[in-house]
Amino acid sequence: MSFTNVGDQVIVSAFFHTGSTLGTSGEARVFELNAVALNTNIPTSAHTGIGAKIEFGSGVDDVLIRFRQNNADVASSLSPTSFDIQANTWYKATFTATNQGTASTIPASMVLDNYGTDGTSLVAANVFSHSFNLPASAAFTADADVFGAFRVRNGTRLYNAVDNFEQISIPVPEPTTWVLGSIAGLAVLLRRRAS
């Protein structure tokens, strides 16, 4: 997928299931979603990319969201509040980033949706979220080939299964495409009024 045009948006999401017991706290229990520059960029080594992670805070079952860039935590990006994550529950984590130009910051967000104990249907949308403007990255925002990636570190209590990893690219339509679509929509509207 491409992240080259101003307005391009990349969305990476995955379902994960928390363990039956959450155990003790520790930052090392991490679930991370990324958009990386190369399909050979493994998020556990040096790579060019952006992302966000869910990490345990000071409480046994409290998680926070922190943003990442080029395999490092972004300063001051930790969420100001934590979320009381539940054991034996399916969640969908979604990371979104928008290209605002090579010299601009990159607006990003991470959202958790609750899919309950069986994971078959949405129980509650946006149970926890955090947004942050990542530092400008000329190399990444000019990249025509961006890939989704995820990793779990020491994740025995944060997940015991990962399912349905998905990446979506939302390109900005070219002006001619937008104009043609608008004209077609107007023609349908006028035809309905004439009938």
N, C-alpha and C. Protein backbone atom coordinates (compact mmCIF):
# COMPACT_ATOMS: atom_id res chain seq x y z
N MET A 1 0.84 -1.17 0.00
CA MET A 1 0.00 0.00 0.00
C MET A 1 0.89 1.24 0.00
N SER A 2 0.36 2.33 -0.46
CA SER A 2 1.13 3.56 -0.60
C SER A 2 0.81 4.55 0.50
N PHE A 3 1.81 5.32 0.88
CA PHE A 3 1.63 6.38 1.88
C PHE A 3 2.27 7.66 1.34
N THR A 4 2.20 7.83 0.01
CA THR A 4 2.95 8.90 -0.65
C THR A 4 2.20 10.22 -0.77
N ASN A 5 0.89 10.18 -0.81
CA ASN A 5 0.11 11.40 -1.06
C ASN A 5 -0.39 12.03 0.23
N VAL A 6 -0.43 13.36 0.24
CA VAL A 6 -1.01 14.05 1.38
C VAL A 6 -2.47 13.64 1.49
N GLY A 7 -2.87 13.19 2.66
CA GLY A 7 -4.21 12.69 2.89
C GLY A 7 -4.31 11.18 2.89
N ASP A 8 -3.27 10.47 2.37
CA ASP A 8 -3.28 9.01 2.43
C ASP A 8 -3.39 8.56 3.88
N GLN A 9 -4.14 7.51 4.09
CA GLN A 9 -4.33 6.98 5.45
C GLN A 9 -4.05 5.49 5.45
N VAL A 10 -3.30 5.03 6.46
CA VAL A 10 -3.00 3.63 6.62
C VAL A 10 -3.66 3.15 7.91
N ILE A 11 -4.37 2.01 7.82
CA ILE A 11 -5.03 1.43 8.98
C ILE A 11 -4.54 -0.01 9.11
N VAL A 12 -4.05 -0.37 10.30
CA VAL A 12 -3.61 -1.73 10.59
C VAL A 12 -4.38 -2.20 11.81
N SER A 13 -5.00 -3.37 11.72
CA SER A 13 -5.77 -3.85 12.86
C SER A 13 -5.56 -5.35 13.05
N ALA A 14 -5.82 -5.80 14.27
CA ALA A 14 -5.73 -7.23 14.59
C ALA A 14 -6.60 -7.52 15.80
N PHE A 15 -7.16 -8.73 15.84
CA PHE A 15 -7.87 -9.21 17.01
C PHE A 15 -6.88 -9.92 17.93
N PHE A 16 -7.04 -9.75 19.24
CA PHE A 16 -6.25 -10.53 20.19
C PHE A 16 -7.14 -10.93 21.35
N HIS A 17 -6.73 -11.98 22.03
CA HIS A 17 -7.50 -12.54 23.14
C HIS A 17 -6.65 -12.52 24.39
N THR A 18 -7.18 -11.96 25.47
CA THR A 18 -6.43 -11.90 26.72
C THR A 18 -6.44 -13.27 27.40
N GLY A 19 -5.43 -13.51 28.21
CA GLY A 19 -5.34 -14.77 28.93
C GLY A 19 -6.42 -14.91 29.98
N SER A 20 -6.62 -16.13 30.47
CA SER A 20 -7.66 -16.38 31.47
C SER A 20 -7.31 -15.73 32.81
N THR A 21 -6.02 -15.53 33.07
CA THR A 21 -5.58 -14.74 34.22
C THR A 21 -4.54 -13.75 33.71
N LEU A 22 -4.54 -12.55 34.30
CA LEU A 22 -3.66 -11.51 33.79
C LEU A 22 -2.33 -11.44 34.51
N GLY A 23 -2.19 -12.07 35.65
CA GLY A 23 -0.90 -12.15 36.31
C GLY A 23 -0.42 -10.83 36.87
N THR A 24 0.90 -10.66 36.91
CA THR A 24 1.50 -9.47 37.50
C THR A 24 1.79 -8.43 36.44
N SER A 25 2.05 -7.21 36.89
CA SER A 25 2.28 -6.12 35.95
C SER A 25 3.69 -6.17 35.39
N GLY A 26 3.91 -5.42 34.32
CA GLY A 26 5.23 -5.34 33.72
C GLY A 26 5.15 -4.83 32.31
N GLU A 27 5.96 -3.85 31.96
CA GLU A 27 5.93 -3.24 30.64
C GLU A 27 6.23 -4.23 29.53
N ALA A 28 6.94 -5.31 29.87
CA ALA A 28 7.36 -6.24 28.83
C ALA A 28 6.21 -6.95 28.15
N ARG A 29 5.04 -6.97 28.77
CA ARG A 29 3.87 -7.60 28.14
C ARG A 29 3.28 -6.61 27.16
N VAL A 30 3.61 -6.75 25.89
CA VAL A 30 3.29 -5.71 24.91
C VAL A 30 2.69 -6.33 23.65
N PHE A 31 1.66 -5.67 23.11
CA PHE A 31 1.10 -6.00 21.81
C PHE A 31 1.26 -4.76 20.95
N GLU A 32 1.88 -4.89 19.79
CA GLU A 32 2.26 -3.72 19.00
C GLU A 32 1.81 -3.86 17.55
N LEU A 33 1.21 -2.80 17.00
CA LEU A 33 0.84 -2.74 15.59
C LEU A 33 1.71 -1.70 14.91
N ASN A 34 2.17 -2.00 13.69
CA ASN A 34 3.09 -1.11 12.98
C ASN A 34 2.75 -1.01 11.50
N ALA A 35 3.16 0.09 10.91
CA ALA A 35 3.26 0.21 9.45
C ALA A 35 4.74 0.42 9.17
N VAL A 36 5.35 -0.47 8.40
CA VAL A 36 6.80 -0.45 8.18
C VAL A 36 7.11 -0.18 6.72
N ALA A 37 8.35 0.28 6.48
CA ALA A 37 8.75 0.71 5.15
C ALA A 37 9.04 -0.46 4.20
N LEU A 38 9.52 -1.58 4.73
CA LEU A 38 9.90 -2.71 3.89
C LEU A 38 9.24 -3.99 4.40
N ASN A 39 8.96 -4.92 3.48
CA ASN A 39 8.37 -6.17 3.94
C ASN A 39 9.39 -7.05 4.65
N THR A 40 10.65 -6.65 4.65
CA THR A 40 11.68 -7.35 5.41
C THR A 40 11.96 -6.68 6.75
N ASN A 41 11.28 -5.56 7.03
CA ASN A 41 11.46 -4.87 8.31
C ASN A 41 10.76 -5.65 9.42
N ILE A 42 11.52 -6.32 10.25
CA ILE A 42 10.96 -7.03 11.40
C ILE A 42 10.87 -6.05 12.55
N PRO A 43 9.70 -5.85 13.18
CA PRO A 43 9.55 -4.83 14.21
C PRO A 43 10.35 -5.08 15.48
N THR A 44 11.09 -6.19 15.55
CA THR A 44 11.93 -6.41 16.73
C THR A 44 13.37 -5.96 16.48
N SER A 45 13.64 -5.43 15.31
CA SER A 45 14.99 -4.93 15.01
C SER A 45 14.88 -3.51 14.47
N ALA A 46 15.99 -2.92 14.09
CA ALA A 46 15.95 -1.56 13.56
C ALA A 46 15.13 -1.53 12.28
N HIS A 47 14.13 -0.66 12.25
CA HIS A 47 13.31 -0.55 11.05
C HIS A 47 12.78 0.87 10.93
N THR A 48 12.40 1.22 9.71
CA THR A 48 11.75 2.51 9.48
C THR A 48 10.26 2.26 9.49
N GLY A 49 9.58 2.94 10.40
CA GLY A 49 8.14 2.73 10.48
C GLY A 49 7.53 3.48 11.64
N ILE A 50 6.22 3.37 11.75
CA ILE A 50 5.47 4.01 12.82
C ILE A 50 4.47 2.99 13.37
N GLY A 51 4.03 3.21 14.60
CA GLY A 51 3.07 2.29 15.19
C GLY A 51 2.68 2.70 16.58
N ALA A 52 1.94 1.82 17.24
CA ALA A 52 1.52 2.05 18.62
C ALA A 52 1.48 0.72 19.33
N LYS A 53 1.65 0.75 20.64
CA LYS A 53 1.64 -0.49 21.40
C LYS A 53 0.72 -0.38 22.61
N ILE A 54 0.22 -1.52 23.03
CA ILE A 54 -0.56 -1.64 24.27
C ILE A 54 0.38 -2.27 25.28
N GLU A 55 0.56 -1.60 26.41
CA GLU A 55 1.48 -2.11 27.43
C GLU A 55 0.83 -2.05 28.80
N PHE A 56 1.25 -2.93 29.68
CA PHE A 56 0.74 -2.92 31.04
C PHE A 56 1.40 -1.83 31.85
N GLY A 57 0.60 -1.16 32.67
CA GLY A 57 1.11 -0.10 33.54
C GLY A 57 1.39 -0.62 34.93
N SER A 58 1.11 0.21 35.93
CA SER A 58 1.44 -0.15 37.30
C SER A 58 0.45 -1.14 37.90
N GLY A 59 -0.80 -1.15 37.38
CA GLY A 59 -1.79 -2.08 37.91
C GLY A 59 -1.69 -3.44 37.26
N VAL A 60 -2.27 -4.45 37.90
CA VAL A 60 -2.20 -5.81 37.38
C VAL A 60 -2.89 -5.92 36.03
N ASP A 61 -4.04 -5.26 35.88
CA ASP A 61 -4.80 -5.40 34.64
C ASP A 61 -5.03 -4.06 33.95
N ASP A 62 -4.15 -3.10 34.20
CA ASP A 62 -4.27 -1.78 33.58
C ASP A 62 -3.31 -1.69 32.39
N VAL A 63 -3.85 -1.30 31.23
CA VAL A 63 -3.01 -1.13 30.06
C VAL A 63 -3.01 0.33 29.62
N LEU A 64 -1.93 0.72 28.94
CA LEU A 64 -1.79 2.05 28.38
C LEU A 64 -1.43 1.92 26.91
N ILE A 65 -1.52 3.01 26.18
CA ILE A 65 -1.12 3.05 24.77
C ILE A 65 0.07 3.99 24.64
N ARG A 66 1.09 3.54 23.93
CA ARG A 66 2.27 4.36 23.66
C ARG A 66 2.60 4.26 22.18
N PHE A 67 3.01 5.37 21.58
CA PHE A 67 3.32 5.38 20.15
C PHE A 67 4.81 5.12 19.91
N ARG A 68 5.09 4.57 18.72
CA ARG A 68 6.43 4.15 18.37
C ARG A 68 6.82 4.73 17.02
N GLN A 69 8.12 4.94 16.83
CA GLN A 69 8.64 5.37 15.53
C GLN A 69 10.05 4.85 15.38
N ASN A 70 10.30 4.14 14.26
CA ASN A 70 11.62 3.58 13.97
C ASN A 70 12.15 2.74 15.14
N ASN A 71 11.28 1.87 15.65
CA ASN A 71 11.61 0.92 16.72
C ASN A 71 12.02 1.59 18.03
N ALA A 72 11.46 2.74 18.32
CA ALA A 72 11.72 3.41 19.60
C ALA A 72 10.44 4.07 20.08
N ASP A 73 10.28 4.16 21.41
CA ASP A 73 9.14 4.87 21.97
C ASP A 73 9.24 6.35 21.62
N VAL A 74 8.11 6.95 21.28
CA VAL A 74 8.07 8.39 21.00
C VAL A 74 7.89 9.13 22.32
N ALA A 75 8.75 10.09 22.59
CA ALA A 75 8.70 10.84 23.85
C ALA A 75 7.34 11.48 24.05
N SER A 76 6.85 11.43 25.27
CA SER A 76 5.59 12.06 25.69
C SER A 76 4.35 11.48 25.02
N SER A 77 4.46 10.30 24.41
CA SER A 77 3.32 9.75 23.68
C SER A 77 2.48 8.77 24.49
N LEU A 78 2.86 8.49 25.73
CA LEU A 78 2.11 7.56 26.56
C LEU A 78 0.75 8.14 26.90
N SER A 79 -0.30 7.32 26.84
CA SER A 79 -1.65 7.80 27.15
C SER A 79 -1.72 8.30 28.59
N PRO A 80 -2.46 9.39 28.84
CA PRO A 80 -2.53 9.96 30.18
C PRO A 80 -3.33 9.12 31.15
N THR A 81 -4.20 8.27 30.66
CA THR A 81 -5.00 7.39 31.51
C THR A 81 -4.81 5.95 31.07
N SER A 82 -5.18 5.02 31.94
CA SER A 82 -5.06 3.60 31.63
C SER A 82 -6.44 2.98 31.49
N PHE A 83 -6.47 1.75 31.02
CA PHE A 83 -7.72 1.03 30.79
C PHE A 83 -7.67 -0.29 31.53
N ASP A 84 -8.76 -0.63 32.19
CA ASP A 84 -8.87 -1.87 32.95
C ASP A 84 -9.24 -3.00 32.00
N ILE A 85 -8.24 -3.62 31.41
CA ILE A 85 -8.49 -4.68 30.42
C ILE A 85 -8.98 -5.94 31.13
N GLN A 86 -9.89 -6.66 30.50
CA GLN A 86 -10.52 -7.82 31.12
C GLN A 86 -9.86 -9.12 30.66
N ALA A 87 -9.82 -10.09 31.57
CA ALA A 87 -9.29 -11.41 31.23
C ALA A 87 -10.28 -12.16 30.35
N ASN A 88 -9.76 -13.12 29.57
CA ASN A 88 -10.57 -14.01 28.73
C ASN A 88 -11.52 -13.23 27.81
N THR A 89 -11.00 -12.20 27.16
CA THR A 89 -11.82 -11.33 26.32
C THR A 89 -11.12 -11.07 24.99
N TRP A 90 -11.92 -11.02 23.91
CA TRP A 90 -11.40 -10.65 22.60
C TRP A 90 -11.48 -9.14 22.43
N TYR A 91 -10.38 -8.55 21.92
CA TYR A 91 -10.33 -7.14 21.59
C TYR A 91 -9.83 -6.98 20.16
N LYS A 92 -10.27 -5.91 19.51
CA LYS A 92 -9.71 -5.53 18.22
C LYS A 92 -8.93 -4.24 18.43
N ALA A 93 -7.65 -4.27 18.09
CA ALA A 93 -6.80 -3.07 18.16
C ALA A 93 -6.63 -2.53 16.76
N THR A 94 -6.79 -1.21 16.60
CA THR A 94 -6.66 -0.57 15.29
C THR A 94 -5.75 0.64 15.38
N PHE A 95 -4.67 0.60 14.60
CA PHE A 95 -3.74 1.73 14.49
C PHE A 95 -4.02 2.45 13.19
N THR A 96 -4.15 3.78 13.24
CA THR A 96 -4.42 4.60 12.05
C THR A 96 -3.42 5.74 11.98
N ALA A 97 -2.90 6.01 10.79
CA ALA A 97 -1.99 7.14 10.59
C ALA A 97 -2.35 7.83 9.28
N THR A 98 -2.17 9.16 9.26
CA THR A 98 -2.52 9.96 8.08
C THR A 98 -1.32 10.78 7.64
N ASN A 99 -1.06 10.76 6.33
CA ASN A 99 0.04 11.54 5.75
C ASN A 99 -0.40 13.00 5.59
N GLN A 100 0.32 13.92 6.23
CA GLN A 100 0.05 15.35 6.09
C GLN A 100 1.15 16.07 5.32
N GLY A 101 2.05 15.31 4.71
CA GLY A 101 3.16 15.91 3.97
C GLY A 101 4.48 15.56 4.61
N THR A 102 5.53 15.61 3.80
CA THR A 102 6.85 15.15 4.27
C THR A 102 7.42 15.99 5.40
N ALA A 103 7.00 17.24 5.52
CA ALA A 103 7.55 18.10 6.57
C ALA A 103 6.63 18.24 7.77
N SER A 104 5.49 17.56 7.76
CA SER A 104 4.50 17.72 8.82
C SER A 104 4.49 16.52 9.76
N THR A 105 3.90 16.72 10.92
CA THR A 105 3.70 15.61 11.85
C THR A 105 2.71 14.62 11.24
N ILE A 106 2.68 13.41 11.79
CA ILE A 106 1.79 12.36 11.31
C ILE A 106 0.73 12.09 12.38
N PRO A 107 -0.50 12.54 12.18
CA PRO A 107 -1.55 12.24 13.15
C PRO A 107 -1.79 10.74 13.21
N ALA A 108 -1.80 10.18 14.42
CA ALA A 108 -1.97 8.74 14.59
C ALA A 108 -2.91 8.47 15.76
N SER A 109 -3.54 7.31 15.71
CA SER A 109 -4.41 6.90 16.81
C SER A 109 -4.36 5.39 16.98
N MET A 110 -4.68 4.95 18.18
CA MET A 110 -4.84 3.52 18.48
C MET A 110 -6.15 3.38 19.24
N VAL A 111 -6.99 2.45 18.78
CA VAL A 111 -8.33 2.27 19.36
C VAL A 111 -8.53 0.80 19.70
N LEU A 112 -9.15 0.54 20.87
CA LEU A 112 -9.53 -0.81 21.25
C LEU A 112 -11.04 -0.95 21.21
N ASP A 113 -11.53 -2.01 20.56
CA ASP A 113 -12.95 -2.38 20.57
C ASP A 113 -13.09 -3.71 21.30
N ASN A 114 -14.15 -3.85 22.10
CA ASN A 114 -14.39 -5.06 22.88
C ASN A 114 -15.31 -6.00 22.10
N TYR A 115 -14.85 -7.24 21.88
CA TYR A 115 -15.64 -8.25 21.18
C TYR A 115 -16.07 -9.40 22.10
N GLY A 116 -16.02 -9.19 23.40
CA GLY A 116 -16.55 -10.15 24.36
C GLY A 116 -15.74 -11.42 24.49
N THR A 117 -16.33 -12.40 25.19
CA THR A 117 -15.60 -13.63 25.48
C THR A 117 -15.54 -14.58 24.29
N ASP A 118 -16.50 -14.48 23.35
CA ASP A 118 -16.46 -15.40 22.21
C ASP A 118 -15.90 -14.76 20.95
N GLY A 119 -15.79 -13.43 20.90
CA GLY A 119 -15.18 -12.73 19.76
C GLY A 119 -16.01 -12.69 18.51
N THR A 120 -17.28 -13.06 18.58
CA THR A 120 -18.08 -13.15 17.36
C THR A 120 -18.79 -11.85 16.99
N SER A 121 -19.00 -10.95 17.96
CA SER A 121 -19.69 -9.70 17.64
C SER A 121 -19.21 -8.57 18.54
N LEU A 122 -19.33 -7.36 18.03
CA LEU A 122 -18.89 -6.18 18.75
C LEU A 122 -19.76 -5.96 19.98
N VAL A 123 -19.14 -5.88 21.15
CA VAL A 123 -19.85 -5.61 22.40
C VAL A 123 -19.84 -4.12 22.68
N ALA A 124 -18.67 -3.50 22.55
CA ALA A 124 -18.54 -2.06 22.80
C ALA A 124 -17.41 -1.50 21.96
N ALA A 125 -17.71 -0.48 21.16
CA ALA A 125 -16.70 0.16 20.32
C ALA A 125 -15.93 1.19 21.12
N ASN A 126 -14.66 1.38 20.76
CA ASN A 126 -13.82 2.45 21.33
C ASN A 126 -13.84 2.45 22.86
N VAL A 127 -13.56 1.29 23.46
CA VAL A 127 -13.52 1.23 24.92
C VAL A 127 -12.27 1.92 25.46
N PHE A 128 -11.25 2.05 24.62
CA PHE A 128 -10.03 2.75 25.02
C PHE A 128 -9.34 3.26 23.77
N SER A 129 -8.87 4.50 23.79
CA SER A 129 -8.19 5.06 22.61
C SER A 129 -7.22 6.15 23.04
N HIS A 130 -6.30 6.44 22.14
CA HIS A 130 -5.32 7.50 22.37
C HIS A 130 -4.85 8.00 21.01
N SER A 131 -4.70 9.31 20.89
CA SER A 131 -4.20 9.93 19.65
C SER A 131 -2.96 10.74 19.94
N PHE A 132 -2.11 10.88 18.91
CA PHE A 132 -0.86 11.60 19.10
C PHE A 132 -0.32 12.01 17.73
N ASN A 133 0.32 13.16 17.63
CA ASN A 133 0.99 13.59 16.40
C ASN A 133 2.44 13.11 16.43
N LEU A 134 2.74 12.12 15.60
CA LEU A 134 4.10 11.60 15.53
C LEU A 134 5.01 12.60 14.83
N PRO A 135 6.30 12.62 15.17
CA PRO A 135 7.22 13.53 14.49
C PRO A 135 7.24 13.31 12.98
N ALA A 136 7.56 14.36 12.23
CA ALA A 136 7.63 14.27 10.78
C ALA A 136 8.65 13.21 10.37
N SER A 137 8.33 12.51 9.28
CA SER A 137 9.23 11.48 8.75
C SER A 137 9.17 11.53 7.23
N ALA A 138 10.06 12.32 6.64
CA ALA A 138 10.03 12.51 5.18
C ALA A 138 10.20 11.19 4.44
N ALA A 139 11.05 10.30 4.94
CA ALA A 139 11.29 9.02 4.26
C ALA A 139 10.03 8.17 4.28
N PHE A 140 9.31 8.15 5.40
CA PHE A 140 8.15 7.28 5.51
C PHE A 140 6.95 7.85 4.77
N THR A 141 6.71 9.15 4.87
CA THR A 141 5.54 9.74 4.22
C THR A 141 5.70 9.84 2.70
N ALA A 142 6.88 9.57 2.20
CA ALA A 142 7.08 9.54 0.74
C ALA A 142 7.20 8.10 0.23
N ASP A 143 6.80 7.14 1.07
CA ASP A 143 7.00 5.73 0.74
C ASP A 143 5.82 5.17 -0.07
N ALA A 144 6.13 4.59 -1.22
CA ALA A 144 5.09 4.01 -2.08
C ALA A 144 4.76 2.58 -1.71
N ASP A 145 5.54 1.96 -0.85
CA ASP A 145 5.30 0.58 -0.43
C ASP A 145 5.40 0.48 1.09
N VAL A 146 4.26 0.54 1.76
CA VAL A 146 4.19 0.45 3.21
C VAL A 146 3.50 -0.86 3.57
N PHE A 147 3.98 -1.54 4.60
CA PHE A 147 3.47 -2.85 4.97
C PHE A 147 3.00 -2.87 6.42
N GLY A 148 1.95 -3.61 6.69
CA GLY A 148 1.48 -3.79 8.06
C GLY A 148 2.31 -4.84 8.76
N ALA A 149 2.47 -4.69 10.07
CA ALA A 149 3.23 -5.66 10.85
C ALA A 149 2.76 -5.60 12.30
N PHE A 150 2.94 -6.70 13.04
CA PHE A 150 2.65 -6.67 14.46
C PHE A 150 3.63 -7.56 15.20
N ARG A 151 3.71 -7.34 16.50
CA ARG A 151 4.52 -8.22 17.33
C ARG A 151 3.92 -8.29 18.73
N VAL A 152 4.23 -9.36 19.42
CA VAL A 152 3.84 -9.54 20.81
C VAL A 152 5.09 -9.93 21.57
N ARG A 153 5.38 -9.20 22.65
CA ARG A 153 6.55 -9.51 23.48
C ARG A 153 6.08 -10.06 24.82
N ASN A 154 6.57 -11.23 25.20
CA ASN A 154 6.25 -11.81 26.51
C ASN A 154 4.76 -11.70 26.79
N GLY A 155 3.96 -12.05 25.79
CA GLY A 155 2.54 -11.71 25.84
C GLY A 155 1.64 -12.74 26.45
N THR A 156 2.09 -13.53 27.40
CA THR A 156 1.27 -14.64 27.90
C THR A 156 -0.02 -14.19 28.56
N ARG A 157 -0.06 -13.01 29.14
CA ARG A 157 -1.33 -12.60 29.75
C ARG A 157 -2.08 -11.59 28.91
N LEU A 158 -1.43 -10.98 27.93
CA LEU A 158 -2.14 -10.03 27.07
C LEU A 158 -2.87 -10.74 25.94
N TYR A 159 -2.36 -11.87 25.52
CA TYR A 159 -3.07 -12.59 24.46
C TYR A 159 -2.74 -14.07 24.54
N ASN A 160 -3.65 -14.90 24.09
CA ASN A 160 -3.29 -16.29 23.83
C ASN A 160 -3.69 -16.70 22.42
N ALA A 161 -4.14 -15.72 21.64
CA ALA A 161 -4.41 -15.98 20.23
C ALA A 161 -4.47 -14.65 19.49
N VAL A 162 -3.97 -14.64 18.28
CA VAL A 162 -4.09 -13.46 17.42
C VAL A 162 -4.78 -13.92 16.15
N ASP A 163 -5.75 -13.13 15.69
CA ASP A 163 -6.55 -13.56 14.55
C ASP A 163 -6.87 -12.38 13.66
N ASN A 164 -7.09 -12.66 12.37
CA ASN A 164 -7.60 -11.68 11.43
C ASN A 164 -6.79 -10.39 11.37
N PHE A 165 -5.50 -10.53 11.13
CA PHE A 165 -4.66 -9.35 10.93
C PHE A 165 -5.04 -8.71 9.61
N GLU A 166 -5.22 -7.39 9.60
CA GLU A 166 -5.72 -6.69 8.42
C GLU A 166 -5.01 -5.36 8.26
N GLN A 167 -4.75 -5.00 7.01
CA GLN A 167 -4.22 -3.67 6.72
C GLN A 167 -5.04 -3.05 5.61
N ILE A 168 -5.30 -1.76 5.75
CA ILE A 168 -6.11 -1.03 4.78
C ILE A 168 -5.38 0.26 4.43
N SER A 169 -5.38 0.59 3.15
CA SER A 169 -4.84 1.88 2.71
C SER A 169 -5.98 2.68 2.11
N ILE A 170 -6.15 3.91 2.55
CA ILE A 170 -7.19 4.77 2.01
C ILE A 170 -6.50 5.89 1.24
N PRO A 171 -6.44 5.75 -0.10
CA PRO A 171 -5.78 6.78 -0.90
C PRO A 171 -6.68 7.99 -1.11
N VAL A 172 -6.07 9.11 -1.36
CA VAL A 172 -6.82 10.31 -1.70
C VAL A 172 -7.16 10.24 -3.18
N PRO A 173 -8.46 10.38 -3.55
CA PRO A 173 -8.79 10.31 -4.97
C PRO A 173 -8.19 11.46 -5.74
N GLU A 174 -7.80 11.18 -6.97
CA GLU A 174 -7.30 12.24 -7.84
C GLU A 174 -8.43 13.21 -8.14
N PRO A 175 -8.12 14.48 -8.37
CA PRO A 175 -9.18 15.47 -8.60
C PRO A 175 -10.14 15.09 -9.72
N THR A 176 -9.63 14.49 -10.81
CA THR A 176 -10.53 14.13 -11.92
C THR A 176 -11.50 13.03 -11.50
N THR A 177 -11.03 12.07 -10.69
CA THR A 177 -11.91 11.01 -10.21
C THR A 177 -13.00 11.59 -9.34
N TRP A 178 -12.64 12.51 -8.46
CA TRP A 178 -13.60 13.13 -7.55
C TRP A 178 -14.64 13.92 -8.34
N VAL A 179 -14.20 14.66 -9.35
CA VAL A 179 -15.12 15.45 -10.16
C VAL A 179 -16.08 14.55 -10.92
N LEU A 180 -15.57 13.48 -11.55
CA LEU A 180 -16.43 12.56 -12.29
C LEU A 180 -17.45 11.90 -11.36
N GLY A 181 -17.02 11.52 -10.16
CA GLY A 181 -17.94 10.93 -9.19
C GLY A 181 -19.01 11.91 -8.77
N SER A 182 -18.64 13.16 -8.59
CA SER A 182 -19.61 14.19 -8.20
C SER A 182 -20.62 14.44 -9.30
N ILE A 183 -20.14 14.48 -10.56
CA ILE A 183 -21.04 14.70 -11.70
C ILE A 183 -22.02 13.53 -11.83
N ALA A 184 -21.52 12.30 -11.65
CA ALA A 184 -22.38 11.12 -11.74
C ALA A 184 -23.45 11.16 -10.65
N GLY A 185 -23.05 11.53 -9.44
CA GLY A 185 -24.00 11.63 -8.33
C GLY A 185 -25.05 12.70 -8.59
N LEU A 186 -24.63 13.83 -9.14
CA LEU A 186 -25.56 14.92 -9.45
C LEU A 186 -26.53 14.51 -10.54
N ALA A 187 -26.04 13.76 -11.53
CA ALA A 187 -26.90 13.30 -12.61
C ALA A 187 -27.97 12.37 -12.09
N VAL A 188 -27.63 11.46 -11.17
CA VAL A 188 -28.61 10.55 -10.58
C VAL A 188 -29.65 11.33 -9.80
N LEU A 189 -29.19 12.32 -9.02
CA LEU A 189 -30.10 13.14 -8.23
C LEU A 189 -31.08 13.91 -9.13
N LEU A 190 -30.58 14.53 -10.20
CA LEU A 190 -31.42 15.28 -11.11
C LEU A 190 -32.41 14.37 -11.84
N ARG A 191 -31.97 13.17 -12.18
CA ARG A 191 -32.86 12.22 -12.86
C ARG A 191 -34.01 11.81 -11.94
N ARG A 192 -33.69 11.60 -10.65
CA ARG A 192 -34.74 11.22 -9.69
C ARG A 192 -35.75 12.35 -9.51
N ARG A 193 -35.28 13.59 -9.50
CA ARG A 193 -36.19 14.74 -9.34
C ARG A 193 -37.07 14.91 -10.57
N ALA A 194 -36.50 14.58 -11.74
CA ALA A 194 -37.26 14.74 -12.98
C ALA A 194 -38.35 13.67 -13.10
N SER A 195 -38.16 12.51 -12.44
CA SER A 195 -39.13 11.42 -12.55
C SER A 195 -40.42 11.72 -11.80
